[in-house]
N, C-alpha and C. Protein backbone atom coordinates (compact mmCIF):
# COMPACT_ATOMS: atom_id res chain seq x y z
N MET A 1 39.02 87.48 -25.08
CA MET A 1 37.73 87.40 -24.60
C MET A 1 36.95 88.71 -25.01
N THR A 2 35.83 88.56 -25.51
CA THR A 2 35.04 89.81 -25.88
C THR A 2 34.42 90.39 -24.70
N PRO A 3 33.94 91.65 -24.85
CA PRO A 3 33.18 92.36 -23.70
C PRO A 3 32.18 91.61 -23.22
N ILE A 4 31.19 91.06 -24.14
CA ILE A 4 30.02 90.46 -23.63
C ILE A 4 30.39 89.07 -23.02
N ASP A 5 31.46 88.30 -23.46
CA ASP A 5 31.91 87.13 -22.77
C ASP A 5 32.33 87.45 -21.38
N ARG A 6 33.16 88.66 -21.14
CA ARG A 6 33.48 89.05 -19.80
C ARG A 6 32.29 89.32 -18.93
N ARG A 7 31.23 90.03 -19.48
CA ARG A 7 30.00 90.21 -18.83
C ARG A 7 29.26 89.00 -18.38
N LEU A 8 29.28 88.11 -19.25
CA LEU A 8 28.66 86.79 -18.95
C LEU A 8 29.43 86.06 -17.88
N ALA A 9 30.70 85.99 -17.97
CA ALA A 9 31.50 85.26 -16.98
C ALA A 9 31.30 85.93 -15.60
N GLU A 10 31.29 87.26 -15.56
CA GLU A 10 30.99 88.05 -14.32
C GLU A 10 29.59 87.71 -13.78
N ALA A 11 28.66 87.68 -14.54
CA ALA A 11 27.33 87.40 -14.11
C ALA A 11 27.08 85.98 -13.66
N ARG A 12 27.93 85.00 -14.11
CA ARG A 12 27.75 83.61 -13.69
C ARG A 12 28.58 83.35 -12.49
N GLN A 13 29.53 84.19 -12.10
CA GLN A 13 30.36 83.91 -11.00
C GLN A 13 29.60 83.64 -9.70
N ASN A 14 28.50 84.29 -9.44
CA ASN A 14 27.75 84.29 -8.28
C ASN A 14 26.42 83.50 -8.36
N LEU A 15 26.31 82.77 -9.52
CA LEU A 15 25.04 81.91 -9.75
C LEU A 15 25.35 80.54 -9.57
N ASP A 16 24.46 79.85 -8.88
CA ASP A 16 24.50 78.36 -8.75
C ASP A 16 23.56 77.91 -9.80
N ARG A 17 24.01 77.93 -10.98
CA ARG A 17 23.30 77.55 -12.25
C ARG A 17 22.56 76.03 -12.17
N VAL A 18 21.38 75.99 -12.62
CA VAL A 18 20.64 74.78 -12.45
C VAL A 18 20.76 73.95 -13.77
N ASP A 19 21.17 72.65 -13.70
CA ASP A 19 21.20 71.68 -14.71
C ASP A 19 19.71 71.32 -15.03
N PRO A 20 19.36 71.15 -16.27
CA PRO A 20 18.00 70.73 -16.63
C PRO A 20 17.62 69.48 -15.86
N ALA A 21 18.46 68.47 -15.57
CA ALA A 21 18.24 67.40 -14.85
C ALA A 21 17.66 67.62 -13.41
N GLU A 22 18.15 68.67 -12.82
CA GLU A 22 17.81 69.06 -11.43
C GLU A 22 16.57 69.86 -11.35
N LEU A 23 16.02 70.36 -12.45
CA LEU A 23 14.89 71.16 -12.50
C LEU A 23 13.52 70.68 -11.88
N PRO A 24 13.11 69.43 -12.20
CA PRO A 24 12.02 68.91 -11.50
C PRO A 24 11.98 68.93 -9.94
N GLU A 25 13.09 68.46 -9.46
CA GLU A 25 13.38 68.45 -8.08
C GLU A 25 13.25 69.84 -7.44
N MET A 26 13.85 70.78 -8.07
CA MET A 26 13.79 72.20 -7.57
C MET A 26 12.53 72.81 -7.63
N LEU A 27 11.70 72.46 -8.69
CA LEU A 27 10.28 72.99 -8.68
C LEU A 27 9.50 72.36 -7.75
N ASN A 28 9.54 71.15 -7.46
CA ASN A 28 8.85 70.29 -6.40
C ASN A 28 9.20 70.91 -4.99
N ALA A 29 10.40 71.50 -4.86
CA ALA A 29 10.87 72.03 -3.56
C ALA A 29 10.42 73.52 -3.44
N GLY A 30 9.70 74.00 -4.44
CA GLY A 30 9.18 75.47 -4.32
C GLY A 30 9.95 76.51 -5.13
N ALA A 31 10.80 76.14 -5.97
CA ALA A 31 11.44 77.13 -6.86
C ALA A 31 10.45 77.63 -7.88
N ILE A 32 10.73 78.74 -8.27
CA ILE A 32 9.86 79.41 -9.33
C ILE A 32 10.68 79.47 -10.60
N LEU A 33 9.98 79.02 -11.62
CA LEU A 33 10.66 79.00 -13.08
C LEU A 33 10.04 80.18 -13.82
N VAL A 34 10.98 81.01 -14.31
CA VAL A 34 10.39 82.19 -15.05
C VAL A 34 11.03 82.14 -16.46
N ASP A 35 10.12 82.04 -17.53
CA ASP A 35 10.44 82.06 -18.90
C ASP A 35 10.51 83.48 -19.36
N ILE A 36 11.71 83.99 -19.78
CA ILE A 36 11.88 85.35 -20.26
C ILE A 36 11.84 85.51 -21.76
N ARG A 37 11.72 84.46 -22.47
CA ARG A 37 11.74 84.45 -23.94
C ARG A 37 10.64 85.32 -24.60
N PRO A 38 10.89 85.94 -25.73
CA PRO A 38 9.83 86.56 -26.40
C PRO A 38 8.73 85.54 -26.83
N GLU A 39 7.54 86.18 -26.98
CA GLU A 39 6.49 85.38 -27.39
C GLU A 39 6.56 84.58 -28.69
N SER A 40 7.28 85.07 -29.67
CA SER A 40 7.52 84.41 -30.93
C SER A 40 8.33 83.15 -30.66
N PHE A 41 9.29 83.15 -29.73
CA PHE A 41 10.14 81.91 -29.43
C PHE A 41 9.26 80.96 -28.81
N ARG A 42 8.30 81.45 -27.89
CA ARG A 42 7.45 80.43 -27.08
C ARG A 42 6.52 79.74 -28.06
N GLN A 43 6.05 80.61 -29.08
CA GLN A 43 5.00 79.98 -30.06
C GLN A 43 5.73 78.99 -31.00
N GLU A 44 6.95 79.42 -31.40
CA GLU A 44 7.66 78.56 -32.34
C GLU A 44 8.25 77.27 -31.64
N GLU A 45 8.82 77.35 -30.41
CA GLU A 45 9.35 76.23 -29.79
C GLU A 45 8.59 75.51 -28.75
N GLY A 46 7.64 76.23 -28.05
CA GLY A 46 6.92 75.69 -27.01
C GLY A 46 7.18 76.28 -25.68
N VAL A 47 6.52 75.84 -24.54
CA VAL A 47 6.76 76.35 -23.22
C VAL A 47 6.97 75.30 -22.20
N HIS A 48 7.54 75.56 -21.12
CA HIS A 48 7.64 74.63 -20.09
C HIS A 48 6.35 74.77 -19.31
N PRO A 49 5.66 73.69 -19.02
CA PRO A 49 4.35 73.73 -18.38
C PRO A 49 4.32 74.44 -17.05
N GLU A 50 5.37 74.56 -16.20
CA GLU A 50 5.35 75.11 -14.99
C GLU A 50 5.95 76.47 -14.92
N ALA A 51 6.33 77.01 -16.17
CA ALA A 51 6.86 78.34 -16.16
C ALA A 51 5.95 79.42 -16.10
N MET A 52 6.33 80.48 -15.36
CA MET A 52 5.75 81.81 -15.27
C MET A 52 6.28 82.64 -16.46
N ILE A 53 5.42 83.18 -17.28
CA ILE A 53 6.00 83.99 -18.42
C ILE A 53 6.15 85.45 -18.00
N ILE A 54 7.30 85.96 -18.00
CA ILE A 54 7.66 87.29 -17.83
C ILE A 54 8.76 87.67 -18.73
N GLU A 55 8.52 88.45 -19.77
CA GLU A 55 9.46 88.63 -20.91
C GLU A 55 10.48 89.49 -20.23
N ARG A 56 11.82 89.42 -20.80
CA ARG A 56 12.93 90.01 -20.34
C ARG A 56 12.83 91.47 -20.07
N ASN A 57 12.22 92.19 -20.99
CA ASN A 57 12.14 93.60 -20.95
C ASN A 57 11.37 94.22 -19.76
N VAL A 58 10.58 93.33 -18.98
CA VAL A 58 9.86 93.84 -17.99
C VAL A 58 10.11 93.11 -16.61
N LEU A 59 11.01 92.18 -16.63
CA LEU A 59 11.44 91.18 -15.63
C LEU A 59 11.46 91.92 -14.30
N GLU A 60 12.46 92.96 -14.24
CA GLU A 60 12.69 93.52 -12.91
C GLU A 60 11.42 94.20 -12.27
N TRP A 61 10.67 94.87 -13.18
CA TRP A 61 9.51 95.63 -12.67
C TRP A 61 8.41 94.65 -12.18
N ARG A 62 8.28 93.54 -12.81
CA ARG A 62 7.32 92.53 -12.42
C ARG A 62 7.65 91.81 -11.09
N LEU A 63 8.87 91.77 -10.71
CA LEU A 63 9.30 91.08 -9.58
C LEU A 63 9.68 92.06 -8.36
N ASP A 64 9.86 93.27 -8.63
CA ASP A 64 10.33 94.32 -7.62
C ASP A 64 9.17 94.54 -6.70
N PRO A 65 9.42 94.14 -5.36
CA PRO A 65 8.43 94.23 -4.35
C PRO A 65 7.91 95.65 -4.24
N ASN A 66 8.58 96.62 -4.64
CA ASN A 66 8.03 98.09 -4.50
C ASN A 66 7.57 98.64 -5.84
N SER A 67 7.40 97.83 -6.81
CA SER A 67 6.93 98.30 -8.13
C SER A 67 5.36 98.12 -8.20
N GLU A 68 4.78 99.13 -8.72
CA GLU A 68 3.34 98.98 -9.04
C GLU A 68 3.01 97.90 -10.08
N ALA A 69 4.01 97.64 -10.84
CA ALA A 69 3.94 96.70 -11.89
C ALA A 69 4.10 95.26 -11.42
N ARG A 70 4.37 95.04 -10.17
CA ARG A 70 4.73 93.72 -9.66
C ARG A 70 3.53 92.75 -9.78
N ILE A 71 3.82 91.54 -10.34
CA ILE A 71 2.70 90.58 -10.44
C ILE A 71 2.63 89.42 -9.44
N ILE A 72 3.71 89.37 -8.69
CA ILE A 72 3.80 88.23 -7.63
C ILE A 72 4.64 88.67 -6.47
N ASP A 73 4.21 88.26 -5.30
CA ASP A 73 5.07 88.55 -4.17
C ASP A 73 6.08 87.43 -3.91
N ILE A 74 7.23 87.62 -3.90
CA ILE A 74 8.35 86.67 -3.85
C ILE A 74 9.24 87.05 -2.74
N GLU A 75 9.55 86.13 -1.74
CA GLU A 75 10.41 86.42 -0.60
C GLU A 75 11.78 86.47 -1.40
N PRO A 76 12.74 87.19 -0.74
CA PRO A 76 14.03 87.44 -1.31
C PRO A 76 14.83 86.18 -1.32
N ASP A 77 14.56 85.24 -0.53
CA ASP A 77 15.45 83.85 -0.58
C ASP A 77 14.82 82.80 -1.44
N THR A 78 13.65 83.10 -2.01
CA THR A 78 12.92 82.07 -2.84
C THR A 78 13.80 81.84 -4.15
N PRO A 79 14.06 80.54 -4.38
CA PRO A 79 14.80 80.15 -5.54
C PRO A 79 13.97 80.57 -6.83
N ILE A 80 14.69 81.42 -7.67
CA ILE A 80 13.94 81.95 -8.89
C ILE A 80 14.87 81.39 -10.04
N ILE A 81 14.37 80.58 -10.92
CA ILE A 81 15.13 80.14 -12.04
C ILE A 81 14.77 80.74 -13.34
N ILE A 82 15.70 81.55 -13.92
CA ILE A 82 15.35 82.23 -15.07
C ILE A 82 15.68 81.33 -16.39
N MET A 83 14.78 81.28 -17.18
CA MET A 83 14.99 80.45 -18.44
C MET A 83 14.83 81.35 -19.68
N CYS A 84 15.88 81.33 -20.58
CA CYS A 84 15.88 81.87 -21.79
C CYS A 84 15.77 80.84 -22.96
N ASN A 85 16.28 81.10 -24.02
CA ASN A 85 16.28 80.06 -25.18
C ASN A 85 17.51 79.12 -25.07
N GLU A 86 18.75 79.69 -24.71
CA GLU A 86 19.79 78.80 -24.66
C GLU A 86 20.75 79.10 -23.48
N GLY A 87 20.43 79.79 -22.45
CA GLY A 87 21.04 80.01 -21.15
C GLY A 87 22.13 81.10 -21.26
N TYR A 88 21.99 82.06 -22.16
CA TYR A 88 22.87 83.18 -22.08
C TYR A 88 22.20 84.41 -21.40
N ALA A 89 21.09 85.00 -22.09
CA ALA A 89 20.41 86.06 -21.54
C ALA A 89 19.79 85.83 -20.06
N SER A 90 19.53 84.55 -19.82
CA SER A 90 19.06 84.17 -18.59
C SER A 90 20.13 84.47 -17.45
N SER A 91 21.30 84.22 -17.73
CA SER A 91 22.41 84.51 -16.75
C SER A 91 22.47 85.89 -16.45
N LEU A 92 22.45 86.72 -17.46
CA LEU A 92 22.41 88.29 -17.24
C LEU A 92 21.25 88.69 -16.30
N ALA A 93 20.14 88.14 -16.81
CA ALA A 93 18.84 88.50 -16.11
C ALA A 93 18.88 88.04 -14.56
N ALA A 94 19.33 86.84 -14.41
CA ALA A 94 19.49 86.31 -13.04
C ALA A 94 20.35 87.20 -12.21
N ALA A 95 21.61 87.50 -12.75
CA ALA A 95 22.48 88.40 -12.04
C ALA A 95 21.91 89.68 -11.72
N ASP A 96 21.02 90.18 -12.63
CA ASP A 96 20.41 91.46 -12.23
C ASP A 96 19.45 91.34 -10.97
N LEU A 97 18.74 90.14 -10.99
CA LEU A 97 17.86 89.91 -9.91
C LEU A 97 18.60 89.73 -8.55
N VAL A 98 19.77 89.16 -8.52
CA VAL A 98 20.63 89.07 -7.33
C VAL A 98 21.00 90.41 -6.92
N LYS A 99 21.35 91.24 -7.78
CA LYS A 99 21.62 92.68 -7.36
C LYS A 99 20.40 93.44 -6.75
N MET A 100 19.24 92.90 -7.18
CA MET A 100 17.97 93.52 -6.57
C MET A 100 17.69 92.96 -5.25
N GLY A 101 18.49 91.92 -4.82
CA GLY A 101 18.16 91.39 -3.54
C GLY A 101 17.56 90.04 -3.48
N PHE A 102 17.33 89.46 -4.62
CA PHE A 102 16.86 87.99 -4.72
C PHE A 102 18.03 87.13 -4.71
N SER A 103 18.43 86.72 -3.54
CA SER A 103 19.69 86.09 -3.27
C SER A 103 19.81 84.63 -3.98
N ALA A 104 18.60 84.03 -4.10
CA ALA A 104 18.68 82.69 -4.77
C ALA A 104 18.26 82.56 -6.24
N ALA A 105 18.28 83.86 -6.88
CA ALA A 105 18.11 83.84 -8.31
C ALA A 105 19.12 83.18 -9.02
N THR A 106 18.86 82.40 -10.05
CA THR A 106 19.84 81.73 -10.90
C THR A 106 19.19 81.49 -12.24
N ASP A 107 19.96 80.67 -13.13
CA ASP A 107 19.35 80.40 -14.31
C ASP A 107 19.51 78.97 -14.76
N LEU A 108 18.78 78.57 -15.80
CA LEU A 108 18.82 77.16 -16.26
C LEU A 108 19.88 76.96 -17.40
N ILE A 109 20.93 76.10 -17.16
CA ILE A 109 22.01 75.76 -18.05
C ILE A 109 21.28 75.27 -19.44
N GLY A 110 21.62 75.89 -20.54
CA GLY A 110 21.15 75.46 -21.82
C GLY A 110 19.74 76.05 -22.08
N GLY A 111 19.02 76.77 -21.10
CA GLY A 111 17.80 77.40 -21.41
C GLY A 111 16.77 76.39 -21.79
N TYR A 112 15.71 76.98 -22.49
CA TYR A 112 14.53 76.02 -22.84
C TYR A 112 15.05 74.97 -23.78
N ARG A 113 15.97 75.26 -24.63
CA ARG A 113 16.46 74.13 -25.46
C ARG A 113 17.20 73.01 -24.75
N GLY A 114 17.91 73.38 -23.70
CA GLY A 114 18.61 72.36 -22.89
C GLY A 114 17.63 71.62 -22.11
N TRP A 115 16.57 72.23 -21.62
CA TRP A 115 15.57 71.43 -20.90
C TRP A 115 14.84 70.51 -21.93
N ARG A 116 14.59 71.02 -23.03
CA ARG A 116 13.81 70.22 -24.04
C ARG A 116 14.53 69.01 -24.47
N ALA A 117 15.90 69.18 -24.55
CA ALA A 117 16.71 68.04 -25.01
C ALA A 117 16.69 67.03 -23.97
N GLN A 118 16.58 67.31 -22.66
CA GLN A 118 16.57 66.47 -21.43
C GLN A 118 15.16 65.81 -21.25
N ALA A 119 14.13 66.45 -21.79
CA ALA A 119 12.85 65.96 -21.41
C ALA A 119 12.35 64.74 -22.24
């Protein structure tokens, strides 16, 4: 197992990852979907209509309740579903949010492409 594979496995240990088929129900129940993909990916492949766009490099600052760069107030137990392109970077990002105190942060299995294949 490579170092990044170990890191990914560790990140996913504490995540209740979301299957794309479960996403509509979770969004209807109040979960927040955050698309962390770069703009070029969104332009090339499209966007989920209910996703909040926060690129990966600024994610923690935009959600940290104590940050001046925060763009939304989110309760620590609000389900936050992170979406990248294929479901790898999103796992690492969601694990970082859990460490910040967002206990219900997780990610979308397969990312945008996984959701698109189900839609």
